[in-house]
Amino acid sequence: MKTMESVDLLRRKLRYLCRRRATQELELILTRFWETHGQGLDERELYELEAILSIDDMDLLAMCLGQKPFPPHFHRDLTSRLVRVPG
């Protein structure tokens, strides 16, 4: 298990990555997701979100809009929250 300091650093990194995307629409989706769920994510979910954020932005946007499925190796509990972000 990582130290609290390294988990806090990862949270800050992910918050930044959610807000700096190729399209404004994806930034909006990910920023709302982070504001709604970011502080409640456990360590496993944080590392999984980091992997999700490494997906190409246009593919990730299609996944978040429900137009394309997330790869099956991602946990459905996290990806389903990305698709259902309140707007």
Protein backbone atom coordinates (compact mmCIF):
# COMPACT_ATOMS: atom_id res chain seq x y z
CA MET A 1 0.00 0.00 0.00
CA LYS A 2 1.22 3.49 -0.83
CA THR A 3 1.74 6.27 1.64
CA MET A 4 -0.97 8.88 2.14
CA GLU A 5 1.36 11.45 0.61
CA SER A 6 1.77 9.47 -2.63
CA VAL A 7 -1.98 8.86 -2.86
CA ASP A 8 -2.57 12.59 -2.36
CA LEU A 9 -0.07 13.33 -5.13
CA LEU A 10 -1.88 10.88 -7.41
CA ARG A 11 -5.22 12.60 -6.63
CA ARG A 12 -3.76 15.98 -7.60
CA LYS A 13 -2.31 14.51 -10.81
CA LEU A 14 -5.64 12.94 -11.78
CA ARG A 15 -7.58 16.11 -11.02
CA TYR A 16 -5.22 17.96 -13.36
CA LEU A 17 -5.50 15.28 -16.06
CA CYS A 18 -9.31 15.40 -15.90
CA ARG A 19 -9.20 19.13 -16.60
CA ARG A 20 -6.66 19.10 -19.44
CA ARG A 21 -8.07 17.12 -22.35
CA ALA A 22 -8.12 17.50 -26.16
CA THR A 23 -11.77 18.56 -26.29
CA GLN A 24 -13.83 20.81 -24.07
CA GLU A 25 -16.62 18.24 -24.00
CA LEU A 26 -14.31 15.57 -22.54
CA GLU A 27 -12.88 18.09 -20.07
CA LEU A 28 -16.40 18.88 -18.89
CA ILE A 29 -17.34 15.20 -18.49
CA LEU A 30 -14.14 14.32 -16.63
CA THR A 31 -14.17 17.45 -14.46
CA ARG A 32 -17.75 16.71 -13.39
CA PHE A 33 -16.78 13.11 -12.71
CA TRP A 34 -13.84 14.24 -10.57
CA GLU A 35 -15.94 16.78 -8.65
CA THR A 36 -18.61 14.15 -7.99
CA HIS A 37 -16.45 11.09 -7.28
CA GLY A 38 -12.78 12.09 -7.00
CA GLN A 39 -12.41 12.30 -3.24
CA GLY A 40 -14.33 9.07 -2.71
CA LEU A 41 -12.18 6.91 -4.99
CA ASP A 42 -10.06 4.30 -3.26
CA GLU A 43 -6.46 3.61 -4.19
CA ARG A 44 -7.31 0.85 -6.69
CA GLU A 45 -9.83 3.11 -8.42
CA LEU A 46 -7.32 5.96 -8.57
CA TYR A 47 -4.79 3.78 -10.36
CA GLU A 48 -7.48 2.47 -12.66
CA LEU A 49 -8.61 6.02 -13.45
CA GLU A 50 -5.00 6.86 -14.26
CA ALA A 51 -4.99 4.02 -16.80
CA ILE A 52 -8.34 5.13 -18.24
CA LEU A 53 -7.02 8.66 -18.67
CA SER A 54 -4.18 7.28 -20.80
CA ILE A 55 -6.70 6.18 -23.46
CA ASP A 56 -6.75 8.33 -26.60
CA ASP A 57 -9.04 11.31 -25.97
CA MET A 58 -11.36 10.69 -28.92
CA ASP A 59 -11.81 7.05 -27.92
CA LEU A 60 -12.31 8.05 -24.29
CA LEU A 61 -14.93 10.62 -25.27
CA ALA A 62 -16.82 7.98 -27.27
CA MET A 63 -16.66 5.64 -24.25
CA CYS A 64 -17.90 8.31 -21.85
CA LEU A 65 -20.78 9.10 -24.20
CA GLY A 66 -21.71 5.42 -24.36
CA GLN A 67 -20.91 5.20 -28.07
CA LYS A 68 -18.09 2.73 -27.58
CA PRO A 69 -17.51 0.16 -24.81
CA PHE A 70 -14.70 0.49 -22.30
CA PRO A 71 -12.11 -2.29 -22.57
CA PRO A 72 -13.29 -5.23 -20.45
CA HIS A 73 -10.24 -5.21 -18.15
CA PHE A 74 -11.50 -2.01 -16.50
CA HIS A 75 -13.84 -2.48 -13.54
CA ARG A 76 -17.43 -1.78 -14.50
CA ASP A 77 -18.20 0.02 -11.23
CA LEU A 78 -15.77 2.80 -12.19
CA THR A 79 -16.52 2.98 -15.91
CA SER A 80 -20.28 3.05 -15.34
CA ARG A 81 -19.82 6.15 -13.18
CA LEU A 82 -17.88 7.81 -16.01
CA VAL A 83 -20.79 7.20 -18.38
CA ARG A 84 -23.44 8.42 -15.91
CA VAL A 85 -21.84 11.69 -14.80
CA PRO A 86 -24.60 14.17 -13.92
CA GLY A 87 -24.87 16.96 -16.45
